[in-house]
Amino acid sequence: MRLLAIETSHRRGSVALLEAGRLVAETMLPEDQPTTRSLHPTIKNLLDEAGWDAFQVRIVATTIGPGSFTGLRIAVATAKTFAYLTGADVVALDTLEVIVHQVPESYHEVHVAVDAQRGEVVAGSFRKHALGKIQSLARAHLVPFEEWVRSLPEGALLTGPALDRYPVPEDHVVAILPRHLWFPRASAVAELGWLRWQEGHRSNVWSLAPRYARLSYAEEKLG
């Protein structure tokens, strides 16, 4: 079973291919091009390099949020179009859970935050179990970054893209995972998407939509 994974919730996206649970390839989107221009060519190039026909892909996995407004719109639209044209199943994944999936197995409880702009983050707390199981301990919510950190117990393990933007208060002792684990990757989308697909998860192509933390600035002004 062949799977295409798309991750564009953060400022630099990636795509990956997985076959029968094994990662085949992963590539980052070009830094010098907007996602609107680079995503489709990158997917095509990756499929060509692997020698895959698009119609051989039976699963498309993508993050649907939280994350970048533009990035999520493009990823969801691409996944829906690809699935519609090829008949592939779609598996939609929460960005926070994809980040948790990347956490080493030696860590069982982790707190994740994604930047939501204006000093706020979308944050959640999770526990990792065997076989890719992820349990939510606290529902993801919109909160000022510093308020979120201070609400956690001392020694809590933190990760997520928000750490790249906001400083952790020096008087609150927490543990922070290495920087390369903060950002969601298409390889993790592929692995988690495969596990979820095996569990029977399928997303409705027609109703699938990005999940935003808030309205965009333009939408708020219009409202």
N, C-alpha and C. Protein backbone atom coordinates (compact mmCIF):
# COMPACT_ATOMS: atom_id res chain seq x y z
N MET A 1 0.85 -1.19 0.00
CA MET A 1 0.00 0.00 0.00
C MET A 1 0.89 1.25 0.00
N ARG A 2 0.64 2.14 -0.94
CA ARG A 2 1.48 3.31 -1.09
C ARG A 2 0.77 4.57 -0.58
N LEU A 3 1.52 5.42 0.11
CA LEU A 3 0.96 6.58 0.79
C LEU A 3 1.77 7.82 0.44
N LEU A 4 1.06 8.91 0.21
CA LEU A 4 1.66 10.24 0.03
C LEU A 4 1.33 11.08 1.25
N ALA A 5 2.34 11.73 1.83
CA ALA A 5 2.14 12.58 3.00
C ALA A 5 2.49 14.02 2.67
N ILE A 6 1.64 14.93 3.15
CA ILE A 6 1.82 16.37 2.92
C ILE A 6 1.84 17.10 4.26
N GLU A 7 2.84 17.95 4.45
CA GLU A 7 2.92 18.74 5.69
C GLU A 7 3.30 20.17 5.33
N THR A 8 2.36 21.10 5.43
CA THR A 8 2.64 22.50 5.15
C THR A 8 2.04 23.42 6.21
N SER A 9 1.90 22.91 7.43
CA SER A 9 1.32 23.72 8.49
C SER A 9 2.30 24.75 9.03
N HIS A 10 3.60 24.52 8.78
CA HIS A 10 4.63 25.45 9.24
C HIS A 10 5.20 26.18 8.04
N ARG A 11 6.10 27.14 8.28
CA ARG A 11 6.57 28.01 7.19
C ARG A 11 7.37 27.26 6.14
N ARG A 12 7.97 26.13 6.47
CA ARG A 12 8.64 25.33 5.45
C ARG A 12 8.05 23.93 5.47
N GLY A 13 7.41 23.57 4.37
CA GLY A 13 6.72 22.29 4.31
C GLY A 13 7.59 21.16 3.80
N SER A 14 6.99 19.99 3.74
CA SER A 14 7.69 18.81 3.24
C SER A 14 6.67 17.81 2.72
N VAL A 15 7.13 16.89 1.90
CA VAL A 15 6.29 15.80 1.40
C VAL A 15 7.07 14.51 1.55
N ALA A 16 6.35 13.40 1.66
CA ALA A 16 7.02 12.11 1.86
C ALA A 16 6.20 11.00 1.21
N LEU A 17 6.89 9.91 0.94
CA LEU A 17 6.26 8.71 0.40
C LEU A 17 6.54 7.55 1.34
N LEU A 18 5.55 6.71 1.53
CA LEU A 18 5.68 5.55 2.40
C LEU A 18 5.00 4.37 1.72
N GLU A 19 5.61 3.20 1.83
CA GLU A 19 5.03 1.99 1.24
C GLU A 19 5.01 0.87 2.27
N ALA A 20 3.81 0.37 2.55
CA ALA A 20 3.63 -0.71 3.52
C ALA A 20 4.31 -0.42 4.85
N GLY A 21 4.19 0.80 5.31
CA GLY A 21 4.75 1.19 6.59
C GLY A 21 6.21 1.59 6.57
N ARG A 22 6.86 1.54 5.42
CA ARG A 22 8.29 1.88 5.32
C ARG A 22 8.46 3.20 4.58
N LEU A 23 9.20 4.12 5.17
CA LEU A 23 9.45 5.41 4.53
C LEU A 23 10.32 5.20 3.30
N VAL A 24 9.85 5.69 2.15
CA VAL A 24 10.56 5.55 0.89
C VAL A 24 11.37 6.80 0.58
N ALA A 25 10.77 7.97 0.80
CA ALA A 25 11.46 9.23 0.47
C ALA A 25 10.80 10.38 1.20
N GLU A 26 11.57 11.42 1.45
CA GLU A 26 11.05 12.65 2.04
C GLU A 26 11.87 13.81 1.49
N THR A 27 11.20 14.92 1.21
CA THR A 27 11.91 16.10 0.74
C THR A 27 11.25 17.36 1.27
N MET A 28 12.06 18.37 1.52
CA MET A 28 11.55 19.66 1.98
C MET A 28 11.16 20.51 0.78
N LEU A 29 10.16 21.36 0.95
CA LEU A 29 9.81 22.30 -0.10
C LEU A 29 10.90 23.37 -0.20
N PRO A 30 11.14 23.90 -1.40
CA PRO A 30 12.19 24.92 -1.56
C PRO A 30 11.93 26.14 -0.68
N GLU A 31 12.98 26.65 -0.06
CA GLU A 31 12.85 27.81 0.82
C GLU A 31 12.59 29.09 0.05
N ASP A 32 13.02 29.14 -1.20
CA ASP A 32 12.94 30.38 -1.97
C ASP A 32 11.66 30.51 -2.79
N GLN A 33 10.69 29.61 -2.56
CA GLN A 33 9.44 29.66 -3.29
C GLN A 33 8.25 29.55 -2.34
N PRO A 34 7.14 30.25 -2.62
CA PRO A 34 5.95 30.08 -1.79
C PRO A 34 5.35 28.69 -1.98
N THR A 35 4.67 28.21 -0.96
CA THR A 35 4.07 26.88 -1.02
C THR A 35 3.11 26.74 -2.19
N THR A 36 2.41 27.83 -2.53
CA THR A 36 1.45 27.79 -3.63
C THR A 36 2.12 27.39 -4.94
N ARG A 37 3.39 27.74 -5.10
CA ARG A 37 4.11 27.41 -6.33
C ARG A 37 4.88 26.10 -6.24
N SER A 38 5.35 25.76 -5.05
CA SER A 38 6.30 24.65 -4.94
C SER A 38 5.69 23.29 -4.60
N LEU A 39 4.50 23.27 -3.99
CA LEU A 39 3.99 21.99 -3.49
C LEU A 39 3.72 20.99 -4.61
N HIS A 40 2.95 21.39 -5.61
CA HIS A 40 2.58 20.45 -6.68
C HIS A 40 3.82 19.94 -7.44
N PRO A 41 4.75 20.81 -7.87
CA PRO A 41 5.95 20.30 -8.54
C PRO A 41 6.79 19.37 -7.66
N THR A 42 6.85 19.68 -6.36
CA THR A 42 7.63 18.83 -5.45
C THR A 42 7.02 17.45 -5.34
N ILE A 43 5.70 17.38 -5.24
CA ILE A 43 5.03 16.08 -5.20
C ILE A 43 5.30 15.30 -6.48
N LYS A 44 5.15 15.95 -7.61
CA LYS A 44 5.38 15.28 -8.90
C LYS A 44 6.81 14.77 -9.00
N ASN A 45 7.78 15.60 -8.62
CA ASN A 45 9.18 15.19 -8.69
C ASN A 45 9.46 14.00 -7.78
N LEU A 46 8.88 14.01 -6.59
CA LEU A 46 9.11 12.92 -5.65
C LEU A 46 8.52 11.62 -6.18
N LEU A 47 7.31 11.70 -6.74
CA LEU A 47 6.70 10.51 -7.34
C LEU A 47 7.54 9.99 -8.51
N ASP A 48 8.02 10.90 -9.33
CA ASP A 48 8.84 10.50 -10.48
C ASP A 48 10.14 9.84 -10.04
N GLU A 49 10.78 10.41 -9.03
CA GLU A 49 12.04 9.85 -8.54
C GLU A 49 11.84 8.46 -7.95
N ALA A 50 10.68 8.22 -7.34
CA ALA A 50 10.40 6.91 -6.76
C ALA A 50 9.89 5.92 -7.80
N GLY A 51 9.58 6.43 -9.00
CA GLY A 51 9.03 5.57 -10.04
C GLY A 51 7.58 5.20 -9.79
N TRP A 52 6.87 6.06 -9.07
CA TRP A 52 5.47 5.80 -8.76
C TRP A 52 4.56 6.57 -9.71
N ASP A 53 3.50 5.92 -10.13
CA ASP A 53 2.41 6.60 -10.82
C ASP A 53 1.45 7.14 -9.76
N ALA A 54 0.88 8.30 -10.00
CA ALA A 54 -0.03 8.87 -9.01
C ALA A 54 -1.18 7.93 -8.66
N PHE A 55 -1.64 7.15 -9.64
CA PHE A 55 -2.77 6.26 -9.40
C PHE A 55 -2.39 5.03 -8.57
N GLN A 56 -1.09 4.84 -8.30
CA GLN A 56 -0.66 3.77 -7.42
C GLN A 56 -0.72 4.19 -5.95
N VAL A 57 -0.87 5.48 -5.70
CA VAL A 57 -0.99 5.98 -4.32
C VAL A 57 -2.42 5.74 -3.85
N ARG A 58 -2.57 5.00 -2.76
CA ARG A 58 -3.91 4.65 -2.27
C ARG A 58 -4.31 5.44 -1.03
N ILE A 59 -3.36 6.15 -0.43
CA ILE A 59 -3.65 6.93 0.77
C ILE A 59 -2.94 8.28 0.66
N VAL A 60 -3.65 9.34 1.01
CA VAL A 60 -3.04 10.67 1.13
C VAL A 60 -3.24 11.13 2.58
N ALA A 61 -2.16 11.39 3.27
CA ALA A 61 -2.22 11.86 4.66
C ALA A 61 -1.76 13.31 4.70
N THR A 62 -2.46 14.13 5.45
CA THR A 62 -2.09 15.54 5.57
C THR A 62 -2.46 16.09 6.93
N THR A 63 -1.70 17.06 7.40
CA THR A 63 -2.10 17.79 8.60
C THR A 63 -3.19 18.78 8.21
N ILE A 64 -4.13 19.01 9.13
CA ILE A 64 -5.22 19.96 8.86
C ILE A 64 -5.26 21.10 9.88
N GLY A 65 -4.28 21.15 10.77
CA GLY A 65 -4.22 22.23 11.73
C GLY A 65 -4.00 21.73 13.14
N PRO A 66 -3.62 22.66 14.00
CA PRO A 66 -3.43 24.09 13.76
C PRO A 66 -2.15 24.38 12.98
N GLY A 67 -2.08 25.62 12.46
CA GLY A 67 -0.91 26.01 11.71
C GLY A 67 -1.19 27.19 10.80
N SER A 68 -0.32 27.37 9.83
CA SER A 68 -0.41 28.48 8.89
C SER A 68 -1.73 28.45 8.11
N PHE A 69 -2.43 29.60 8.05
CA PHE A 69 -3.67 29.67 7.28
C PHE A 69 -3.45 29.24 5.84
N THR A 70 -2.48 29.87 5.19
CA THR A 70 -2.24 29.58 3.78
C THR A 70 -1.75 28.16 3.58
N GLY A 71 -0.80 27.74 4.39
CA GLY A 71 -0.24 26.39 4.26
C GLY A 71 -1.29 25.31 4.41
N LEU A 72 -2.18 25.46 5.39
CA LEU A 72 -3.21 24.45 5.61
C LEU A 72 -4.21 24.43 4.47
N ARG A 73 -4.58 25.59 3.98
CA ARG A 73 -5.53 25.64 2.84
C ARG A 73 -4.96 24.90 1.63
N ILE A 74 -3.67 25.14 1.36
CA ILE A 74 -3.04 24.52 0.20
C ILE A 74 -2.95 23.01 0.38
N ALA A 75 -2.54 22.57 1.57
CA ALA A 75 -2.39 21.13 1.82
C ALA A 75 -3.72 20.40 1.70
N VAL A 76 -4.75 20.96 2.30
CA VAL A 76 -6.06 20.31 2.27
C VAL A 76 -6.62 20.29 0.85
N ALA A 77 -6.50 21.40 0.14
CA ALA A 77 -6.98 21.44 -1.24
C ALA A 77 -6.23 20.45 -2.12
N THR A 78 -4.92 20.34 -1.92
CA THR A 78 -4.11 19.40 -2.70
C THR A 78 -4.49 17.96 -2.39
N ALA A 79 -4.65 17.64 -1.11
CA ALA A 79 -5.03 16.28 -0.72
C ALA A 79 -6.39 15.90 -1.29
N LYS A 80 -7.35 16.83 -1.22
CA LYS A 80 -8.69 16.56 -1.73
C LYS A 80 -8.68 16.35 -3.24
N THR A 81 -7.95 17.21 -3.95
CA THR A 81 -7.88 17.09 -5.41
C THR A 81 -7.20 15.78 -5.81
N PHE A 82 -6.09 15.46 -5.15
CA PHE A 82 -5.37 14.22 -5.45
C PHE A 82 -6.27 13.01 -5.22
N ALA A 83 -6.97 13.01 -4.09
CA ALA A 83 -7.84 11.89 -3.76
C ALA A 83 -9.01 11.77 -4.74
N TYR A 84 -9.55 12.90 -5.11
CA TYR A 84 -10.68 12.90 -6.05
C TYR A 84 -10.25 12.33 -7.40
N LEU A 85 -9.07 12.71 -7.87
CA LEU A 85 -8.61 12.28 -9.20
C LEU A 85 -8.14 10.83 -9.21
N THR A 86 -7.59 10.36 -8.10
CA THR A 86 -7.00 9.01 -8.08
C THR A 86 -7.84 7.98 -7.35
N GLY A 87 -8.82 8.44 -6.55
CA GLY A 87 -9.61 7.51 -5.76
C GLY A 87 -8.94 7.08 -4.47
N ALA A 88 -7.86 7.76 -4.09
CA ALA A 88 -7.15 7.42 -2.86
C ALA A 88 -7.96 7.82 -1.63
N ASP A 89 -7.71 7.12 -0.52
CA ASP A 89 -8.29 7.51 0.76
C ASP A 89 -7.53 8.71 1.31
N VAL A 90 -8.22 9.53 2.11
CA VAL A 90 -7.57 10.65 2.78
C VAL A 90 -7.59 10.42 4.29
N VAL A 91 -6.46 10.66 4.92
CA VAL A 91 -6.36 10.59 6.39
C VAL A 91 -5.90 11.97 6.87
N ALA A 92 -6.76 12.66 7.60
CA ALA A 92 -6.45 14.00 8.13
C ALA A 92 -5.90 13.86 9.54
N LEU A 93 -4.82 14.60 9.81
CA LEU A 93 -4.14 14.48 11.10
C LEU A 93 -4.01 15.83 11.79
N ASP A 94 -4.08 15.80 13.11
CA ASP A 94 -3.86 16.98 13.93
C ASP A 94 -2.36 17.30 13.97
N THR A 95 -2.01 18.55 13.72
CA THR A 95 -0.60 18.94 13.70
C THR A 95 0.10 18.64 15.02
N LEU A 96 -0.57 18.90 16.13
CA LEU A 96 0.04 18.67 17.44
C LEU A 96 0.37 17.18 17.62
N GLU A 97 -0.52 16.31 17.17
CA GLU A 97 -0.29 14.88 17.32
C GLU A 97 0.85 14.40 16.43
N VAL A 98 1.00 15.01 15.27
CA VAL A 98 2.14 14.68 14.41
C VAL A 98 3.45 15.03 15.11
N ILE A 99 3.49 16.18 15.76
CA ILE A 99 4.69 16.59 16.50
C ILE A 99 4.96 15.62 17.65
N VAL A 100 3.90 15.22 18.35
CA VAL A 100 4.06 14.25 19.45
C VAL A 100 4.60 12.92 18.92
N HIS A 101 4.14 12.52 17.74
CA HIS A 101 4.61 11.27 17.14
C HIS A 101 6.12 11.28 16.95
N GLN A 102 6.71 12.46 16.75
CA GLN A 102 8.15 12.57 16.53
C GLN A 102 8.96 12.48 17.82
N VAL A 103 8.30 12.58 18.96
CA VAL A 103 8.99 12.56 20.25
C VAL A 103 9.56 11.16 20.49
N PRO A 104 10.82 11.04 20.92
CA PRO A 104 11.41 9.72 21.19
C PRO A 104 10.56 8.90 22.16
N GLU A 105 10.58 7.60 21.98
CA GLU A 105 9.73 6.71 22.78
C GLU A 105 10.06 6.74 24.26
N SER A 106 11.25 7.20 24.61
CA SER A 106 11.63 7.25 26.02
C SER A 106 10.86 8.30 26.80
N TYR A 107 10.21 9.24 26.08
CA TYR A 107 9.41 10.28 26.72
C TYR A 107 7.93 9.91 26.57
N HIS A 108 7.21 9.91 27.67
CA HIS A 108 5.81 9.45 27.63
C HIS A 108 4.80 10.59 27.71
N GLU A 109 5.18 11.71 28.30
CA GLU A 109 4.25 12.84 28.42
C GLU A 109 4.91 14.09 27.87
N VAL A 110 4.19 14.81 27.02
CA VAL A 110 4.79 15.96 26.36
C VAL A 110 3.75 17.05 26.16
N HIS A 111 4.21 18.30 26.18
CA HIS A 111 3.35 19.46 26.01
C HIS A 111 3.79 20.19 24.75
N VAL A 112 2.84 20.47 23.86
CA VAL A 112 3.16 20.96 22.52
C VAL A 112 2.46 22.29 22.26
N ALA A 113 3.17 23.20 21.57
CA ALA A 113 2.56 24.49 21.24
C ALA A 113 2.95 24.91 19.82
N VAL A 114 1.96 25.40 19.09
CA VAL A 114 2.14 25.93 17.74
C VAL A 114 1.79 27.41 17.77
N ASP A 115 2.60 28.22 17.14
CA ASP A 115 2.39 29.67 17.13
C ASP A 115 1.05 30.02 16.48
N ALA A 116 0.28 30.89 17.15
CA ALA A 116 -1.00 31.35 16.61
C ALA A 116 -0.98 32.87 16.39
N GLN A 117 0.22 33.47 16.43
CA GLN A 117 0.40 34.90 16.23
C GLN A 117 -0.12 35.71 17.44
N ARG A 118 0.24 36.98 17.47
CA ARG A 118 -0.21 37.94 18.50
C ARG A 118 0.16 37.49 19.92
N GLY A 119 1.26 36.78 20.05
CA GLY A 119 1.71 36.35 21.36
C GLY A 119 1.00 35.13 21.90
N GLU A 120 0.14 34.53 21.09
CA GLU A 120 -0.63 33.36 21.54
C GLU A 120 -0.19 32.10 20.81
N VAL A 121 -0.53 30.97 21.42
CA VAL A 121 -0.21 29.66 20.84
C VAL A 121 -1.44 28.76 20.96
N VAL A 122 -1.45 27.73 20.12
CA VAL A 122 -2.39 26.63 20.32
C VAL A 122 -1.60 25.54 21.02
N ALA A 123 -2.02 25.19 22.22
CA ALA A 123 -1.23 24.27 23.05
C ALA A 123 -2.06 23.09 23.52
N GLY A 124 -1.41 21.96 23.65
CA GLY A 124 -2.07 20.76 24.14
C GLY A 124 -1.08 19.89 24.89
N SER A 125 -1.59 18.97 25.67
CA SER A 125 -0.76 18.04 26.43
C SER A 125 -1.14 16.62 26.05
N PHE A 126 -0.12 15.76 25.92
CA PHE A 126 -0.36 14.41 25.40
C PHE A 126 0.48 13.38 26.13
N ARG A 127 0.02 12.14 26.06
CA ARG A 127 0.80 11.00 26.56
C ARG A 127 0.97 10.01 25.42
N LYS A 128 2.20 9.55 25.22
CA LYS A 128 2.49 8.58 24.18
C LYS A 128 2.39 7.17 24.74
N HIS A 129 1.78 6.29 23.95
CA HIS A 129 1.69 4.89 24.32
C HIS A 129 2.34 4.04 23.23
N ALA A 130 2.38 2.77 23.44
CA ALA A 130 2.98 1.87 22.46
C ALA A 130 2.17 1.84 21.17
N LEU A 131 2.83 1.44 20.09
CA LEU A 131 2.18 1.25 18.79
C LEU A 131 1.54 2.53 18.25
N GLY A 132 2.18 3.66 18.52
CA GLY A 132 1.73 4.91 17.94
C GLY A 132 0.49 5.51 18.57
N LYS A 133 0.03 4.99 19.68
CA LYS A 133 -1.16 5.53 20.34
C LYS A 133 -0.82 6.85 21.04
N ILE A 134 -1.66 7.85 20.82
CA ILE A 134 -1.46 9.16 21.42
C ILE A 134 -2.72 9.55 22.18
N GLN A 135 -2.57 9.84 23.45
CA GLN A 135 -3.71 10.20 24.31
C GLN A 135 -3.65 11.69 24.64
N SER A 136 -4.74 12.39 24.40
CA SER A 136 -4.80 13.80 24.76
C SER A 136 -5.09 13.94 26.25
N LEU A 137 -4.26 14.70 26.95
CA LEU A 137 -4.44 14.92 28.38
C LEU A 137 -5.14 16.24 28.68
N ALA A 138 -5.02 17.18 27.76
CA ALA A 138 -5.65 18.48 27.92
C ALA A 138 -6.02 18.99 26.53
N ARG A 139 -7.26 19.34 26.35
CA ARG A 139 -7.74 19.77 25.03
C ARG A 139 -6.94 20.97 24.53
N ALA A 140 -6.56 20.92 23.26
CA ALA A 140 -5.80 22.03 22.67
C ALA A 140 -6.60 23.32 22.77
N HIS A 141 -5.93 24.39 23.15
CA HIS A 141 -6.62 25.65 23.34
C HIS A 141 -5.71 26.82 22.98
N LEU A 142 -6.32 27.97 22.75
CA LEU A 142 -5.60 29.20 22.42
C LEU A 142 -5.26 29.92 23.71
N VAL A 143 -3.98 30.25 23.89
CA VAL A 143 -3.54 30.83 25.15
C VAL A 143 -2.25 31.63 24.93
N PRO A 144 -2.03 32.72 25.68
CA PRO A 144 -0.74 33.41 25.60
C PRO A 144 0.40 32.46 25.96
N PHE A 145 1.51 32.55 25.25
CA PHE A 145 2.60 31.59 25.42
C PHE A 145 3.09 31.51 26.86
N GLU A 146 3.40 32.67 27.44
CA GLU A 146 3.95 32.64 28.80
C GLU A 146 2.95 32.08 29.80
N GLU A 147 1.69 32.42 29.63
CA GLU A 147 0.65 31.88 30.52
C GLU A 147 0.60 30.36 30.41
N TRP A 148 0.74 29.85 29.19
CA TRP A 148 0.73 28.39 28.99
C TRP A 148 1.89 27.73 29.71
N VAL A 149 3.09 28.28 29.52
CA VAL A 149 4.27 27.67 30.14
C VAL A 149 4.13 27.66 31.66
N ARG A 150 3.67 28.79 32.23
CA ARG A 150 3.56 28.87 33.69
C ARG A 150 2.45 27.98 34.25
N SER A 151 1.53 27.56 33.39
CA SER A 151 0.45 26.66 33.85
C SER A 151 0.93 25.22 33.96
N LEU A 152 2.10 24.92 33.39
CA LEU A 152 2.62 23.55 33.40
C LEU A 152 3.45 23.30 34.65
N PRO A 153 3.50 22.06 35.10
CA PRO A 153 4.32 21.75 36.27
C PRO A 153 5.80 21.90 35.94
N GLU A 154 6.59 22.23 36.95
CA GLU A 154 8.04 22.34 36.73
C GLU A 154 8.58 20.98 36.27
N GLY A 155 9.49 21.04 35.30
CA GLY A 155 10.05 19.82 34.75
C GLY A 155 9.28 19.28 33.56
N ALA A 156 8.17 19.93 33.19
CA ALA A 156 7.36 19.47 32.06
C ALA A 156 8.20 19.50 30.79
N LEU A 157 7.93 18.54 29.89
CA LEU A 157 8.67 18.43 28.64
C LEU A 157 7.94 19.18 27.54
N LEU A 158 8.63 20.15 26.90
CA LEU A 158 8.02 21.02 25.90
C LEU A 158 8.59 20.76 24.52
N THR A 159 7.74 20.95 23.50
CA THR A 159 8.17 20.91 22.11
C THR A 159 7.18 21.72 21.27
N GLY A 160 7.49 21.90 20.00
CA GLY A 160 6.58 22.60 19.09
C GLY A 160 7.20 23.86 18.51
N PRO A 161 6.71 24.29 17.33
CA PRO A 161 7.26 25.46 16.63
C PRO A 161 7.20 26.76 17.42
N ALA A 162 6.27 26.87 18.38
CA ALA A 162 6.16 28.11 19.16
C ALA A 162 7.44 28.41 19.93
N LEU A 163 8.23 27.37 20.25
CA LEU A 163 9.47 27.57 20.99
C LEU A 163 10.50 28.31 20.15
N ASP A 164 10.30 28.31 18.83
CA ASP A 164 11.22 29.01 17.95
C ASP A 164 10.96 30.51 17.93
N ARG A 165 9.83 30.91 18.46
CA ARG A 165 9.45 32.33 18.42
C ARG A 165 9.41 32.99 19.79
N TYR A 166 8.96 32.26 20.79
CA TYR A 166 8.75 32.87 22.11
C TYR A 166 9.74 32.31 23.13
N PRO A 167 10.32 33.18 23.97
CA PRO A 167 11.26 32.71 24.99
C PRO A 167 10.53 32.11 26.19
N VAL A 168 11.07 31.02 26.69
CA VAL A 168 10.52 30.39 27.89
C VAL A 168 10.97 31.19 29.11
N PRO A 169 10.05 31.53 30.02
CA PRO A 169 10.45 32.28 31.23
C PRO A 169 11.57 31.58 31.98
N GLU A 170 12.63 32.32 32.27
CA GLU A 170 13.81 31.71 32.89
C GLU A 170 13.55 31.24 34.32
N ASP A 171 12.52 31.80 34.96
CA ASP A 171 12.27 31.43 36.36
C ASP A 171 11.31 30.25 36.47
N HIS A 172 10.95 29.63 35.34
CA HIS A 172 10.08 28.46 35.39
C HIS A 172 10.82 27.30 34.74
N VAL A 173 11.16 26.31 35.56
CA VAL A 173 12.04 25.22 35.10
C VAL A 173 11.24 24.19 34.32
N VAL A 174 11.59 24.04 33.03
CA VAL A 174 10.98 23.02 32.18
C VAL A 174 12.08 22.35 31.37
N ALA A 175 11.74 21.22 30.78
CA ALA A 175 12.66 20.52 29.87
C ALA A 175 12.21 20.78 28.44
N ILE A 176 13.16 20.97 27.55
CA ILE A 176 12.84 21.29 26.16
C ILE A 176 13.53 20.29 25.24
N LEU A 177 12.77 19.70 24.33
CA LEU A 177 13.34 18.75 23.38
C LEU A 177 14.26 19.47 22.39
N PRO A 178 15.17 18.76 21.73
CA PRO A 178 16.05 19.38 20.73
C PRO A 178 15.24 20.07 19.63
N ARG A 179 15.80 21.14 19.09
CA ARG A 179 15.09 22.00 18.15
C ARG A 179 14.58 21.25 16.92
N HIS A 180 15.32 20.28 16.42
CA HIS A 180 14.91 19.61 15.20
C HIS A 180 13.62 18.80 15.37
N LEU A 181 13.21 18.60 16.62
CA LEU A 181 11.97 17.86 16.88
C LEU A 181 10.77 18.79 17.06
N TRP A 182 10.99 20.09 17.03
CA TRP A 182 9.89 21.04 17.27
C TRP A 182 8.92 21.12 16.08
N PHE A 183 9.42 20.86 14.88
CA PHE A 183 8.65 21.17 13.67
C PHE A 183 8.08 19.90 13.03
N PRO A 184 6.80 19.91 12.64
CA PRO A 184 6.21 18.72 12.03
C PRO A 184 6.85 18.40 10.69
N ARG A 185 7.08 17.12 10.44
CA ARG A 185 7.68 16.66 9.19
C ARG A 185 6.74 15.70 8.48
N ALA A 186 6.85 15.69 7.14
CA ALA A 186 6.00 14.81 6.34
C ALA A 186 6.26 13.34 6.65
N SER A 187 7.48 13.00 7.05
CA SER A 187 7.77 11.60 7.40
C SER A 187 6.92 11.15 8.59
N ALA A 188 6.73 12.05 9.57
CA ALA A 188 5.88 11.72 10.72
C ALA A 188 4.41 11.67 10.30
N VAL A 189 4.01 12.55 9.38
CA VAL A 189 2.64 12.51 8.84
C VAL A 189 2.41 11.16 8.16
N ALA A 190 3.40 10.70 7.41
CA ALA A 190 3.29 9.42 6.71
C ALA A 190 3.14 8.26 7.70
N GLU A 191 4.01 8.23 8.71
CA GLU A 191 3.97 7.13 9.68
C GLU A 191 2.68 7.11 10.48
N LEU A 192 2.27 8.28 10.97
CA LEU A 192 1.05 8.35 11.77
C LEU A 192 -0.18 8.12 10.88
N GLY A 193 -0.14 8.65 9.66
CA GLY A 193 -1.24 8.42 8.74
C GLY A 193 -1.44 6.96 8.43
N TRP A 194 -0.34 6.24 8.26
CA TRP A 194 -0.41 4.80 7.99
C TRP A 194 -1.02 4.06 9.18
N LEU A 195 -0.58 4.41 10.39
CA LEU A 195 -1.14 3.77 11.58
C LEU A 195 -2.64 4.05 11.71
N ARG A 196 -3.04 5.29 11.48
CA ARG A 196 -4.44 5.64 11.59
C ARG A 196 -5.28 4.95 10.50
N TRP A 197 -4.73 4.85 9.30
CA TRP A 197 -5.44 4.19 8.21
C TRP A 197 -5.67 2.72 8.56
N GLN A 198 -4.66 2.08 9.14
CA GLN A 198 -4.79 0.68 9.54
C GLN A 198 -5.86 0.50 10.62
N GLU A 199 -6.06 1.53 11.43
CA GLU A 199 -7.09 1.49 12.47
C GLU A 199 -8.49 1.77 11.91
N GLY A 200 -8.55 2.10 10.62
CA GLY A 200 -9.84 2.34 9.98
C GLY A 200 -10.22 3.78 9.80
N HIS A 201 -9.29 4.70 10.09
CA HIS A 201 -9.61 6.13 9.95
C HIS A 201 -9.62 6.53 8.47
N ARG A 202 -10.68 7.20 8.08
CA ARG A 202 -10.81 7.76 6.74
C ARG A 202 -11.48 9.12 6.88
N SER A 203 -11.07 10.09 6.07
CA SER A 203 -11.69 11.41 6.12
C SER A 203 -12.57 11.59 4.89
N ASN A 204 -13.68 12.29 5.08
CA ASN A 204 -14.59 12.56 3.98
C ASN A 204 -13.99 13.63 3.08
N VAL A 205 -13.74 13.29 1.83
CA VAL A 205 -13.10 14.22 0.90
C VAL A 205 -13.92 15.49 0.73
N TRP A 206 -15.24 15.36 0.75
CA TRP A 206 -16.10 16.51 0.44
C TRP A 206 -16.19 17.49 1.60
N SER A 207 -16.15 16.98 2.83
CA SER A 207 -16.31 17.87 3.99
C SER A 207 -14.98 18.24 4.64
N LEU A 208 -13.89 17.65 4.19
CA LEU A 208 -12.59 17.93 4.79
C LEU A 208 -12.23 19.41 4.68
N ALA A 209 -11.79 19.99 5.78
CA ALA A 209 -11.44 21.42 5.81
C ALA A 209 -10.34 21.66 6.83
N PRO A 210 -9.54 22.69 6.64
CA PRO A 210 -8.51 23.03 7.63
C PRO A 210 -9.16 23.37 8.97
N ARG A 211 -8.42 23.15 10.04
CA ARG A 211 -8.90 23.50 11.38
C ARG A 211 -8.01 24.63 11.90
N TYR A 212 -8.59 25.83 11.94
CA TYR A 212 -7.84 27.01 12.36
C TYR A 212 -8.09 27.31 13.83
N ALA A 213 -7.11 27.96 14.45
CA ALA A 213 -7.24 28.34 15.86
C ALA A 213 -8.15 29.55 16.01
N ARG A 214 -8.19 30.40 14.99
CA ARG A 214 -8.98 31.62 15.02
C ARG A 214 -9.25 32.07 13.59
N LEU A 215 -10.11 33.05 13.43
CA LEU A 215 -10.31 33.65 12.12
C LEU A 215 -9.04 34.39 11.70
N SER A 216 -8.82 34.49 10.41
CA SER A 216 -7.69 35.28 9.94
C SER A 216 -7.93 36.75 10.27
N TYR A 217 -6.86 37.56 10.22
CA TYR A 217 -6.99 38.98 10.52
C TYR A 217 -7.99 39.64 9.58
N ALA A 218 -7.93 39.28 8.29
CA ALA A 218 -8.86 39.86 7.31
C ALA A 218 -10.31 39.49 7.62
N GLU A 219 -10.51 38.21 8.01
CA GLU A 219 -11.87 37.76 8.33
C GLU A 219 -12.39 38.46 9.57
N GLU A 220 -11.52 38.68 10.56
CA GLU A 220 -11.94 39.37 11.77
C GLU A 220 -12.35 40.80 11.47
N LYS A 221 -11.61 41.46 10.57
CA LYS A 221 -11.94 42.83 10.20
C LYS A 221 -13.29 42.90 9.47
N LEU A 222 -13.53 41.91 8.60
CA LEU A 222 -14.79 41.88 7.87
C LEU A 222 -15.95 41.56 8.81
N GLY A 223 -15.65 40.74 9.85
CA GLY A 223 -16.71 40.39 10.79
C GLY A 223 -17.06 41.50 11.72
